Amino acid sequence: MNIRIASPEDAQTLVEIYAPYVKDTIVTFECAVPTVEEFADRIRRTLEKYPYLVAEEDDRILGYTYASAFKSRAAYNWSVETTIYVRQDEQHRGTGCALYQALEEQLRRQHICNLCACIAYPNPASVEFHKRFGYELIAHFHRSGYKLGAWQDMVWMEKELCPHTVPPLPFVPFSQLPPTSALTRKELPRA
């Protein structure tokens, strides 16, 4: 399995992975499957500040993960929300663990201190996955979103990734990090 930086050219495949979660589950509170163009734009915008990674095996993308701003104000620069999706037919093979390990490595390089995960509830598989990664349940919100004909709860889980120094180490946007051999970029065909 190879973990690499996502590319806007991956959008079609990532939408295919994400669509069943949107259409058939409460895992995401998004109610309409985004277009490939919307998804490509999300990848571009995310990579300006945060990692967006895919796991692939034999040139087939198995899943993806990314970080996003927890809140937009500057004081929150050291906190992110984490997101992960794995092909439904590829779960329980270690893909999610490999993706989250790679994501955390990059977030440490950015000096991120806090990881937050917003999880539709009940979702025992996601809650247990995050617990294994050291996240703790910190909040439960009741009837927060309406999807699939019912009001749905959500929970927040949190993990301290790095020490909270005073002053904090400067936040480094992902696009400004020096390259690492741990991640590759997709090789695009040459014209």
N, C-alpha and C. Protein backbone atom coordinates (compact mmCIF):
# COMPACT_ATOMS: atom_id res chain seq x y z
N MET A 1 0.85 -1.18 0.00
CA MET A 1 0.00 0.00 0.00
C MET A 1 0.89 1.24 0.00
N ASN A 2 0.54 2.20 -0.82
CA ASN A 2 1.28 3.45 -0.93
C ASN A 2 0.39 4.58 -0.44
N ILE A 3 0.94 5.45 0.39
CA ILE A 3 0.22 6.66 0.81
C ILE A 3 0.86 7.82 0.08
N ARG A 4 0.04 8.61 -0.59
CA ARG A 4 0.57 9.76 -1.33
C ARG A 4 -0.35 10.95 -1.16
N ILE A 5 0.14 12.09 -1.59
CA ILE A 5 -0.63 13.32 -1.56
C ILE A 5 -1.70 13.24 -2.65
N ALA A 6 -2.91 13.60 -2.30
CA ALA A 6 -4.00 13.60 -3.27
C ALA A 6 -3.77 14.67 -4.31
N SER A 7 -4.42 14.49 -5.43
CA SER A 7 -4.36 15.43 -6.54
C SER A 7 -5.79 15.72 -6.99
N PRO A 8 -6.06 16.91 -7.52
CA PRO A 8 -7.41 17.17 -8.05
C PRO A 8 -7.83 16.13 -9.09
N GLU A 9 -6.87 15.50 -9.77
CA GLU A 9 -7.17 14.47 -10.75
C GLU A 9 -7.75 13.21 -10.10
N ASP A 10 -7.63 13.09 -8.77
CA ASP A 10 -8.20 11.95 -8.04
C ASP A 10 -9.68 12.15 -7.73
N ALA A 11 -10.22 13.30 -8.03
CA ALA A 11 -11.57 13.66 -7.58
C ALA A 11 -12.63 12.65 -8.00
N GLN A 12 -12.59 12.18 -9.23
CA GLN A 12 -13.60 11.23 -9.71
C GLN A 12 -13.63 9.99 -8.82
N THR A 13 -12.46 9.43 -8.53
CA THR A 13 -12.39 8.23 -7.70
C THR A 13 -12.82 8.51 -6.28
N LEU A 14 -12.43 9.65 -5.75
CA LEU A 14 -12.80 9.98 -4.37
C LEU A 14 -14.31 10.20 -4.24
N VAL A 15 -14.92 10.79 -5.24
CA VAL A 15 -16.38 10.93 -5.23
C VAL A 15 -17.03 9.54 -5.24
N GLU A 16 -16.47 8.62 -6.00
CA GLU A 16 -17.03 7.26 -6.04
C GLU A 16 -16.94 6.59 -4.67
N ILE A 17 -15.86 6.84 -3.93
CA ILE A 17 -15.71 6.29 -2.58
C ILE A 17 -16.70 6.95 -1.63
N TYR A 18 -16.85 8.25 -1.75
CA TYR A 18 -17.66 9.05 -0.83
C TYR A 18 -19.17 8.90 -1.07
N ALA A 19 -19.59 8.75 -2.32
CA ALA A 19 -21.02 8.77 -2.68
C ALA A 19 -21.87 7.79 -1.87
N PRO A 20 -21.47 6.53 -1.66
CA PRO A 20 -22.34 5.64 -0.87
C PRO A 20 -22.54 6.11 0.57
N TYR A 21 -21.53 6.76 1.13
CA TYR A 21 -21.68 7.31 2.48
C TYR A 21 -22.71 8.44 2.50
N VAL A 22 -22.70 9.26 1.45
CA VAL A 22 -23.66 10.37 1.37
C VAL A 22 -25.07 9.84 1.15
N LYS A 23 -25.23 8.92 0.21
CA LYS A 23 -26.56 8.46 -0.19
C LYS A 23 -27.21 7.49 0.79
N ASP A 24 -26.40 6.65 1.44
CA ASP A 24 -26.98 5.52 2.18
C ASP A 24 -26.71 5.49 3.67
N THR A 25 -25.95 6.46 4.20
CA THR A 25 -25.60 6.41 5.62
C THR A 25 -25.73 7.78 6.26
N ILE A 26 -25.61 7.78 7.59
CA ILE A 26 -25.54 9.05 8.33
C ILE A 26 -24.10 9.41 8.64
N VAL A 27 -23.14 8.65 8.12
CA VAL A 27 -21.73 8.89 8.43
C VAL A 27 -21.33 10.32 8.11
N THR A 28 -21.83 10.86 7.01
CA THR A 28 -21.63 12.26 6.69
C THR A 28 -23.00 12.94 6.72
N PHE A 29 -23.03 14.17 7.16
CA PHE A 29 -24.28 14.92 7.14
C PHE A 29 -24.48 15.64 5.81
N GLU A 30 -23.57 15.46 4.87
CA GLU A 30 -23.78 15.98 3.53
C GLU A 30 -24.91 15.16 2.91
N CYS A 31 -25.86 15.82 2.27
CA CYS A 31 -27.06 15.12 1.76
C CYS A 31 -27.07 14.95 0.25
N ALA A 32 -26.21 15.66 -0.47
CA ALA A 32 -26.12 15.52 -1.92
C ALA A 32 -24.67 15.21 -2.28
N VAL A 33 -24.48 14.26 -3.16
CA VAL A 33 -23.13 13.91 -3.59
C VAL A 33 -22.54 15.08 -4.36
N PRO A 34 -21.36 15.55 -3.96
CA PRO A 34 -20.74 16.66 -4.68
C PRO A 34 -20.32 16.24 -6.09
N THR A 35 -20.24 17.21 -6.97
CA THR A 35 -19.76 16.94 -8.32
C THR A 35 -18.25 16.70 -8.28
N VAL A 36 -17.75 16.13 -9.34
CA VAL A 36 -16.30 15.91 -9.46
C VAL A 36 -15.57 17.25 -9.40
N GLU A 37 -16.12 18.27 -10.05
CA GLU A 37 -15.49 19.60 -10.03
C GLU A 37 -15.45 20.18 -8.61
N GLU A 38 -16.55 20.04 -7.87
CA GLU A 38 -16.57 20.50 -6.48
C GLU A 38 -15.51 19.77 -5.67
N PHE A 39 -15.41 18.47 -5.86
CA PHE A 39 -14.46 17.68 -5.09
C PHE A 39 -13.03 18.06 -5.44
N ALA A 40 -12.75 18.26 -6.71
CA ALA A 40 -11.40 18.69 -7.13
C ALA A 40 -11.05 20.02 -6.49
N ASP A 41 -12.03 20.93 -6.43
CA ASP A 41 -11.78 22.22 -5.79
C ASP A 41 -11.53 22.07 -4.30
N ARG A 42 -12.24 21.16 -3.64
CA ARG A 42 -12.02 20.89 -2.22
C ARG A 42 -10.59 20.40 -1.99
N ILE A 43 -10.13 19.52 -2.85
CA ILE A 43 -8.76 19.01 -2.72
C ILE A 43 -7.76 20.15 -2.87
N ARG A 44 -7.92 20.97 -3.90
CA ARG A 44 -7.01 22.11 -4.12
C ARG A 44 -6.98 23.04 -2.92
N ARG A 45 -8.16 23.42 -2.43
CA ARG A 45 -8.24 24.36 -1.28
C ARG A 45 -7.62 23.75 -0.04
N THR A 46 -7.89 22.48 0.22
CA THR A 46 -7.34 21.84 1.41
C THR A 46 -5.83 21.83 1.38
N LEU A 47 -5.24 21.46 0.24
CA LEU A 47 -3.79 21.32 0.14
C LEU A 47 -3.03 22.63 0.34
N GLU A 48 -3.72 23.76 0.24
CA GLU A 48 -3.04 25.03 0.52
C GLU A 48 -2.57 25.08 1.97
N LYS A 49 -3.37 24.53 2.89
CA LYS A 49 -3.03 24.61 4.32
C LYS A 49 -2.83 23.27 5.00
N TYR A 50 -3.48 22.22 4.51
CA TYR A 50 -3.51 20.96 5.25
C TYR A 50 -3.23 19.76 4.33
N PRO A 51 -2.85 18.63 4.92
CA PRO A 51 -2.64 17.43 4.13
C PRO A 51 -3.95 16.85 3.61
N TYR A 52 -3.90 16.30 2.42
CA TYR A 52 -4.99 15.54 1.82
C TYR A 52 -4.32 14.32 1.21
N LEU A 53 -4.54 13.15 1.77
CA LEU A 53 -3.78 11.96 1.41
C LEU A 53 -4.69 10.85 0.90
N VAL A 54 -4.16 10.03 0.01
CA VAL A 54 -4.87 8.85 -0.46
C VAL A 54 -3.99 7.62 -0.24
N ALA A 55 -4.65 6.49 -0.03
CA ALA A 55 -3.97 5.19 0.05
C ALA A 55 -4.32 4.45 -1.22
N GLU A 56 -3.30 3.90 -1.87
CA GLU A 56 -3.57 3.14 -3.09
C GLU A 56 -2.75 1.86 -3.10
N GLU A 57 -3.30 0.90 -3.81
CA GLU A 57 -2.65 -0.39 -3.97
C GLU A 57 -2.91 -0.83 -5.40
N ASP A 58 -1.85 -1.17 -6.10
CA ASP A 58 -1.98 -1.56 -7.52
C ASP A 58 -2.74 -0.51 -8.32
N ASP A 59 -2.39 0.77 -8.08
CA ASP A 59 -3.00 1.91 -8.79
C ASP A 59 -4.51 2.07 -8.53
N ARG A 60 -5.02 1.44 -7.48
CA ARG A 60 -6.43 1.58 -7.10
C ARG A 60 -6.49 2.32 -5.77
N ILE A 61 -7.20 3.44 -5.72
CA ILE A 61 -7.34 4.20 -4.49
C ILE A 61 -8.30 3.47 -3.56
N LEU A 62 -7.83 3.23 -2.33
CA LEU A 62 -8.61 2.48 -1.34
C LEU A 62 -9.34 3.39 -0.37
N GLY A 63 -8.81 4.60 -0.15
CA GLY A 63 -9.40 5.52 0.80
C GLY A 63 -8.64 6.82 0.82
N TYR A 64 -9.16 7.76 1.59
CA TYR A 64 -8.51 9.07 1.69
C TYR A 64 -8.76 9.68 3.07
N THR A 65 -7.89 10.60 3.41
CA THR A 65 -8.01 11.34 4.67
C THR A 65 -7.50 12.76 4.45
N TYR A 66 -8.00 13.66 5.25
CA TYR A 66 -7.51 15.04 5.18
C TYR A 66 -7.80 15.74 6.49
N ALA A 67 -7.16 16.87 6.65
CA ALA A 67 -7.42 17.75 7.79
C ALA A 67 -8.02 19.04 7.26
N SER A 68 -8.80 19.68 8.10
CA SER A 68 -9.37 20.98 7.74
C SER A 68 -9.38 21.86 8.98
N ALA A 69 -9.59 23.13 8.77
CA ALA A 69 -9.59 24.08 9.88
C ALA A 69 -10.69 23.70 10.88
N PHE A 70 -10.35 23.72 12.15
CA PHE A 70 -11.35 23.50 13.19
C PHE A 70 -12.27 24.72 13.26
N LYS A 71 -11.68 25.88 13.25
CA LYS A 71 -12.37 27.17 13.17
C LYS A 71 -11.48 28.10 12.36
N SER A 72 -12.03 29.17 11.82
CA SER A 72 -11.28 30.03 10.91
C SER A 72 -10.40 31.08 11.59
N ARG A 73 -10.63 31.38 12.85
CA ARG A 73 -9.85 32.44 13.51
C ARG A 73 -8.43 31.98 13.80
N ALA A 74 -7.48 32.91 13.77
CA ALA A 74 -6.05 32.60 13.87
C ALA A 74 -5.67 31.85 15.14
N ALA A 75 -6.36 32.12 16.24
CA ALA A 75 -6.02 31.45 17.50
C ALA A 75 -6.25 29.94 17.43
N TYR A 76 -7.03 29.49 16.44
CA TYR A 76 -7.30 28.06 16.27
C TYR A 76 -6.30 27.37 15.32
N ASN A 77 -5.25 28.07 14.89
CA ASN A 77 -4.32 27.49 13.90
C ASN A 77 -3.76 26.14 14.31
N TRP A 78 -3.71 25.83 15.57
CA TRP A 78 -3.09 24.61 16.06
C TRP A 78 -4.11 23.48 16.30
N SER A 79 -5.33 23.69 15.84
CA SER A 79 -6.39 22.68 15.96
C SER A 79 -6.97 22.40 14.58
N VAL A 80 -7.20 21.12 14.29
CA VAL A 80 -7.79 20.74 13.00
C VAL A 80 -8.90 19.72 13.23
N GLU A 81 -9.76 19.61 12.22
CA GLU A 81 -10.73 18.53 12.17
C GLU A 81 -10.18 17.49 11.20
N THR A 82 -10.24 16.23 11.60
CA THR A 82 -9.76 15.16 10.75
C THR A 82 -10.95 14.42 10.11
N THR A 83 -10.73 13.94 8.89
CA THR A 83 -11.77 13.22 8.15
C THR A 83 -11.12 12.04 7.44
N ILE A 84 -11.84 10.93 7.39
CA ILE A 84 -11.33 9.74 6.70
C ILE A 84 -12.49 8.96 6.09
N TYR A 85 -12.26 8.46 4.87
CA TYR A 85 -13.22 7.58 4.20
C TYR A 85 -12.44 6.47 3.50
N VAL A 86 -12.90 5.25 3.67
CA VAL A 86 -12.29 4.08 3.04
C VAL A 86 -13.38 3.39 2.23
N ARG A 87 -13.00 2.86 1.06
CA ARG A 87 -13.96 2.10 0.26
C ARG A 87 -14.68 1.10 1.16
N GLN A 88 -15.98 1.00 1.02
CA GLN A 88 -16.73 0.11 1.89
C GLN A 88 -16.31 -1.35 1.75
N ASP A 89 -15.83 -1.74 0.59
CA ASP A 89 -15.38 -3.12 0.41
C ASP A 89 -13.91 -3.33 0.78
N GLU A 90 -13.27 -2.29 1.31
CA GLU A 90 -11.85 -2.37 1.70
C GLU A 90 -11.65 -2.12 3.19
N GLN A 91 -12.71 -2.06 3.95
CA GLN A 91 -12.57 -1.77 5.38
C GLN A 91 -11.99 -2.97 6.12
N HIS A 92 -11.36 -2.69 7.24
CA HIS A 92 -10.78 -3.71 8.13
C HIS A 92 -9.56 -4.40 7.51
N ARG A 93 -8.85 -3.68 6.65
CA ARG A 93 -7.62 -4.20 6.07
C ARG A 93 -6.41 -3.38 6.48
N GLY A 94 -6.59 -2.39 7.35
CA GLY A 94 -5.49 -1.55 7.79
C GLY A 94 -5.33 -0.26 7.01
N THR A 95 -6.19 -0.04 6.03
CA THR A 95 -6.09 1.17 5.21
C THR A 95 -6.30 2.43 6.05
N GLY A 96 -7.35 2.42 6.87
CA GLY A 96 -7.63 3.59 7.71
C GLY A 96 -6.48 3.89 8.67
N CYS A 97 -5.93 2.85 9.27
CA CYS A 97 -4.80 3.05 10.19
C CYS A 97 -3.60 3.64 9.46
N ALA A 98 -3.28 3.10 8.29
CA ALA A 98 -2.14 3.63 7.52
C ALA A 98 -2.37 5.09 7.14
N LEU A 99 -3.59 5.41 6.74
CA LEU A 99 -3.91 6.79 6.37
C LEU A 99 -3.78 7.73 7.57
N TYR A 100 -4.36 7.34 8.71
CA TYR A 100 -4.31 8.23 9.88
C TYR A 100 -2.89 8.38 10.41
N GLN A 101 -2.08 7.33 10.36
CA GLN A 101 -0.69 7.45 10.78
C GLN A 101 0.05 8.45 9.91
N ALA A 102 -0.15 8.37 8.60
CA ALA A 102 0.50 9.31 7.68
C ALA A 102 -0.01 10.73 7.90
N LEU A 103 -1.31 10.87 8.11
CA LEU A 103 -1.88 12.20 8.36
C LEU A 103 -1.28 12.81 9.62
N GLU A 104 -1.23 12.03 10.69
CA GLU A 104 -0.68 12.56 11.94
C GLU A 104 0.78 12.96 11.78
N GLU A 105 1.54 12.20 11.03
CA GLU A 105 2.95 12.54 10.81
C GLU A 105 3.07 13.92 10.15
N GLN A 106 2.24 14.18 9.15
CA GLN A 106 2.28 15.47 8.48
C GLN A 106 1.79 16.60 9.38
N LEU A 107 0.76 16.34 10.17
CA LEU A 107 0.23 17.36 11.07
C LEU A 107 1.25 17.72 12.16
N ARG A 108 2.03 16.74 12.62
CA ARG A 108 3.10 17.05 13.57
C ARG A 108 4.12 18.00 12.94
N ARG A 109 4.44 17.76 11.68
CA ARG A 109 5.39 18.62 10.98
C ARG A 109 4.85 20.05 10.86
N GLN A 110 3.53 20.19 10.88
CA GLN A 110 2.91 21.51 10.81
C GLN A 110 2.76 22.16 12.19
N HIS A 111 3.10 21.43 13.23
CA HIS A 111 2.98 21.87 14.63
C HIS A 111 1.54 21.93 15.11
N ILE A 112 0.68 21.08 14.55
CA ILE A 112 -0.71 20.99 15.00
C ILE A 112 -0.72 20.30 16.37
N CYS A 113 -1.48 20.84 17.30
CA CYS A 113 -1.57 20.28 18.65
C CYS A 113 -2.82 19.46 18.89
N ASN A 114 -3.95 19.86 18.32
CA ASN A 114 -5.24 19.23 18.63
C ASN A 114 -5.88 18.66 17.38
N LEU A 115 -6.31 17.40 17.49
CA LEU A 115 -7.07 16.76 16.42
C LEU A 115 -8.50 16.57 16.91
N CYS A 116 -9.46 16.97 16.10
CA CYS A 116 -10.87 16.84 16.46
C CYS A 116 -11.58 16.05 15.37
N ALA A 117 -12.45 15.15 15.79
CA ALA A 117 -13.24 14.36 14.84
C ALA A 117 -14.71 14.53 15.16
N CYS A 118 -15.47 14.96 14.17
CA CYS A 118 -16.93 15.10 14.30
C CYS A 118 -17.54 13.84 13.71
N ILE A 119 -18.28 13.08 14.53
CA ILE A 119 -18.75 11.76 14.12
C ILE A 119 -20.26 11.67 14.30
N ALA A 120 -20.95 11.27 13.23
CA ALA A 120 -22.38 11.00 13.34
C ALA A 120 -22.57 9.88 14.35
N TYR A 121 -23.66 9.97 15.12
CA TYR A 121 -23.84 9.02 16.22
C TYR A 121 -25.26 8.47 16.21
N PRO A 122 -25.41 7.15 16.32
CA PRO A 122 -24.38 6.17 16.66
C PRO A 122 -23.57 5.75 15.43
N ASN A 123 -22.31 5.53 15.66
CA ASN A 123 -21.39 5.04 14.64
C ASN A 123 -20.27 4.31 15.39
N PRO A 124 -20.58 3.14 15.95
CA PRO A 124 -19.62 2.45 16.80
C PRO A 124 -18.28 2.16 16.13
N ALA A 125 -18.29 1.85 14.84
CA ALA A 125 -17.03 1.55 14.16
C ALA A 125 -16.10 2.76 14.16
N SER A 126 -16.64 3.94 13.86
CA SER A 126 -15.81 5.15 13.83
C SER A 126 -15.37 5.56 15.22
N VAL A 127 -16.27 5.47 16.18
CA VAL A 127 -15.90 5.81 17.57
C VAL A 127 -14.77 4.90 18.05
N GLU A 128 -14.88 3.60 17.81
CA GLU A 128 -13.83 2.66 18.24
C GLU A 128 -12.53 2.89 17.48
N PHE A 129 -12.62 3.17 16.19
CA PHE A 129 -11.42 3.47 15.40
C PHE A 129 -10.68 4.66 16.01
N HIS A 130 -11.40 5.73 16.31
CA HIS A 130 -10.77 6.92 16.88
C HIS A 130 -10.23 6.65 18.28
N LYS A 131 -10.93 5.87 19.07
CA LYS A 131 -10.42 5.51 20.41
C LYS A 131 -9.08 4.79 20.29
N ARG A 132 -8.97 3.88 19.32
CA ARG A 132 -7.70 3.17 19.13
C ARG A 132 -6.57 4.13 18.78
N PHE A 133 -6.90 5.26 18.18
CA PHE A 133 -5.90 6.27 17.84
C PHE A 133 -5.70 7.28 18.95
N GLY A 134 -6.31 7.06 20.10
CA GLY A 134 -6.08 7.94 21.24
C GLY A 134 -7.03 9.10 21.38
N TYR A 135 -8.08 9.13 20.59
CA TYR A 135 -9.09 10.18 20.72
C TYR A 135 -9.99 9.86 21.92
N GLU A 136 -10.48 10.91 22.55
CA GLU A 136 -11.42 10.77 23.66
C GLU A 136 -12.72 11.48 23.31
N LEU A 137 -13.83 10.89 23.74
CA LEU A 137 -15.14 11.50 23.54
C LEU A 137 -15.24 12.74 24.42
N ILE A 138 -15.56 13.88 23.82
CA ILE A 138 -15.63 15.12 24.62
C ILE A 138 -16.98 15.81 24.57
N ALA A 139 -17.83 15.46 23.57
CA ALA A 139 -19.14 16.13 23.50
C ALA A 139 -20.11 15.26 22.72
N HIS A 140 -21.38 15.33 23.14
CA HIS A 140 -22.46 14.62 22.45
C HIS A 140 -23.57 15.64 22.20
N PHE A 141 -23.88 15.85 20.94
CA PHE A 141 -24.93 16.78 20.56
C PHE A 141 -26.13 15.99 20.05
N HIS A 142 -27.28 16.28 20.58
CA HIS A 142 -28.50 15.53 20.27
C HIS A 142 -29.26 16.19 19.12
N ARG A 143 -29.76 15.33 18.22
CA ARG A 143 -30.60 15.76 17.10
C ARG A 143 -30.00 16.99 16.38
N SER A 144 -28.74 16.85 15.99
CA SER A 144 -28.00 17.96 15.37
C SER A 144 -28.27 18.12 13.89
N GLY A 145 -28.61 17.02 13.22
CA GLY A 145 -28.83 17.08 11.79
C GLY A 145 -29.97 16.16 11.39
N TYR A 146 -30.63 16.50 10.31
CA TYR A 146 -31.75 15.71 9.82
C TYR A 146 -31.32 15.03 8.52
N LYS A 147 -31.28 13.70 8.54
CA LYS A 147 -30.87 12.95 7.36
C LYS A 147 -31.54 11.58 7.37
N LEU A 148 -31.84 11.07 6.21
CA LEU A 148 -32.46 9.77 6.03
C LEU A 148 -33.75 9.63 6.85
N GLY A 149 -34.52 10.71 6.89
CA GLY A 149 -35.83 10.68 7.51
C GLY A 149 -35.86 10.74 9.02
N ALA A 150 -34.73 11.09 9.63
CA ALA A 150 -34.71 11.15 11.11
C ALA A 150 -33.68 12.18 11.58
N TRP A 151 -33.90 12.65 12.80
CA TRP A 151 -32.91 13.52 13.44
C TRP A 151 -31.75 12.65 13.92
N GLN A 152 -30.54 13.15 13.66
CA GLN A 152 -29.33 12.38 13.98
C GLN A 152 -28.47 13.12 15.00
N ASP A 153 -27.87 12.36 15.89
CA ASP A 153 -26.93 12.92 16.87
C ASP A 153 -25.54 12.98 16.26
N MET A 154 -24.66 13.71 16.91
CA MET A 154 -23.25 13.71 16.54
C MET A 154 -22.42 13.87 17.80
N VAL A 155 -21.20 13.35 17.74
CA VAL A 155 -20.27 13.48 18.85
C VAL A 155 -18.98 14.09 18.34
N TRP A 156 -18.26 14.72 19.25
CA TRP A 156 -16.91 15.22 18.97
C TRP A 156 -15.94 14.38 19.79
N MET A 157 -14.86 13.98 19.12
CA MET A 157 -13.76 13.31 19.81
C MET A 157 -12.51 14.15 19.59
N GLU A 158 -11.58 14.08 20.54
CA GLU A 158 -10.40 14.94 20.50
C GLU A 158 -9.16 14.16 20.88
N LYS A 159 -8.04 14.54 20.28
CA LYS A 159 -6.75 13.95 20.61
C LYS A 159 -5.71 15.05 20.68
N GLU A 160 -4.87 15.01 21.70
CA GLU A 160 -3.74 15.93 21.77
C GLU A 160 -2.59 15.29 21.01
N LEU A 161 -2.15 15.93 19.94
CA LEU A 161 -1.12 15.37 19.07
C LEU A 161 0.28 15.81 19.50
N CYS A 162 0.43 17.08 19.84
CA CYS A 162 1.73 17.64 20.20
C CYS A 162 1.60 18.46 21.47
N PRO A 163 2.71 18.66 22.18
CA PRO A 163 2.65 19.48 23.39
C PRO A 163 2.21 20.91 23.09
N HIS A 164 1.55 21.49 24.05
CA HIS A 164 1.09 22.88 23.93
C HIS A 164 2.15 23.80 24.54
N THR A 165 3.13 24.15 23.75
CA THR A 165 4.21 25.02 24.24
C THR A 165 3.72 26.46 24.32
N VAL A 166 4.40 27.26 25.13
CA VAL A 166 4.09 28.68 25.24
C VAL A 166 5.38 29.44 24.98
N PRO A 167 5.43 30.20 23.90
CA PRO A 167 4.44 30.31 22.83
C PRO A 167 4.45 29.04 21.99
N PRO A 168 3.40 28.82 21.20
CA PRO A 168 3.38 27.63 20.36
C PRO A 168 4.38 27.74 19.21
N LEU A 169 4.81 26.59 18.74
CA LEU A 169 5.63 26.59 17.53
C LEU A 169 4.77 27.14 16.40
N PRO A 170 5.34 27.82 15.43
CA PRO A 170 4.52 28.43 14.38
C PRO A 170 3.82 27.38 13.51
N PHE A 171 2.57 27.66 13.19
CA PHE A 171 1.83 26.82 12.26
C PHE A 171 2.49 26.94 10.88
N VAL A 172 2.71 25.80 10.23
CA VAL A 172 3.31 25.78 8.90
C VAL A 172 2.28 25.22 7.92
N PRO A 173 1.82 26.02 6.96
CA PRO A 173 0.87 25.47 5.98
C PRO A 173 1.48 24.27 5.25
N PHE A 174 0.66 23.29 4.96
CA PHE A 174 1.14 22.07 4.31
C PHE A 174 1.86 22.38 3.00
N SER A 175 1.36 23.35 2.26
CA SER A 175 1.97 23.70 0.97
C SER A 175 3.38 24.26 1.14
N GLN A 176 3.76 24.66 2.36
CA GLN A 176 5.09 25.22 2.61
C GLN A 176 6.03 24.24 3.30
N LEU A 177 5.55 23.04 3.62
CA LEU A 177 6.42 22.05 4.24
C LEU A 177 7.44 21.55 3.23
N PRO A 178 8.67 21.30 3.67
CA PRO A 178 9.62 20.68 2.74
C PRO A 178 9.16 19.26 2.42
N PRO A 179 9.47 18.77 1.23
CA PRO A 179 9.05 17.42 0.85
C PRO A 179 9.62 16.37 1.81
N THR A 180 8.92 15.27 1.93
CA THR A 180 9.38 14.16 2.75
C THR A 180 9.30 12.89 1.91
N SER A 181 10.22 11.99 2.14
CA SER A 181 10.21 10.74 1.38
C SER A 181 9.05 9.84 1.80
N ALA A 182 8.40 10.18 2.92
CA ALA A 182 7.27 9.37 3.39
C ALA A 182 6.05 9.49 2.47
N LEU A 183 5.98 10.59 1.71
CA LEU A 183 4.83 10.82 0.84
C LEU A 183 5.30 11.06 -0.59
N THR A 184 4.53 10.59 -1.53
CA THR A 184 4.82 10.86 -2.93
C THR A 184 3.68 11.66 -3.51
N ARG A 185 3.94 12.25 -4.64
CA ARG A 185 2.89 12.92 -5.41
C ARG A 185 2.56 12.07 -6.62
N LYS A 186 1.35 12.17 -7.08
CA LYS A 186 0.92 11.39 -8.25
C LYS A 186 1.70 11.89 -9.46
N GLU A 187 2.26 10.94 -10.17
CA GLU A 187 2.96 11.30 -11.41
C GLU A 187 1.91 11.45 -12.50
N LEU A 188 1.88 12.63 -13.08
CA LEU A 188 0.92 12.90 -14.14
C LEU A 188 1.56 12.60 -15.49
N PRO A 189 0.78 12.11 -16.44
CA PRO A 189 1.34 11.82 -17.76
C PRO A 189 1.91 13.09 -18.39
N ARG A 190 3.02 12.94 -19.05
CA ARG A 190 3.63 14.08 -19.74
C ARG A 190 3.02 14.22 -21.13
N ALA A 191 2.79 15.48 -21.52
CA ALA A 191 2.18 15.74 -22.84
C ALA A 191 3.22 15.58 -23.93
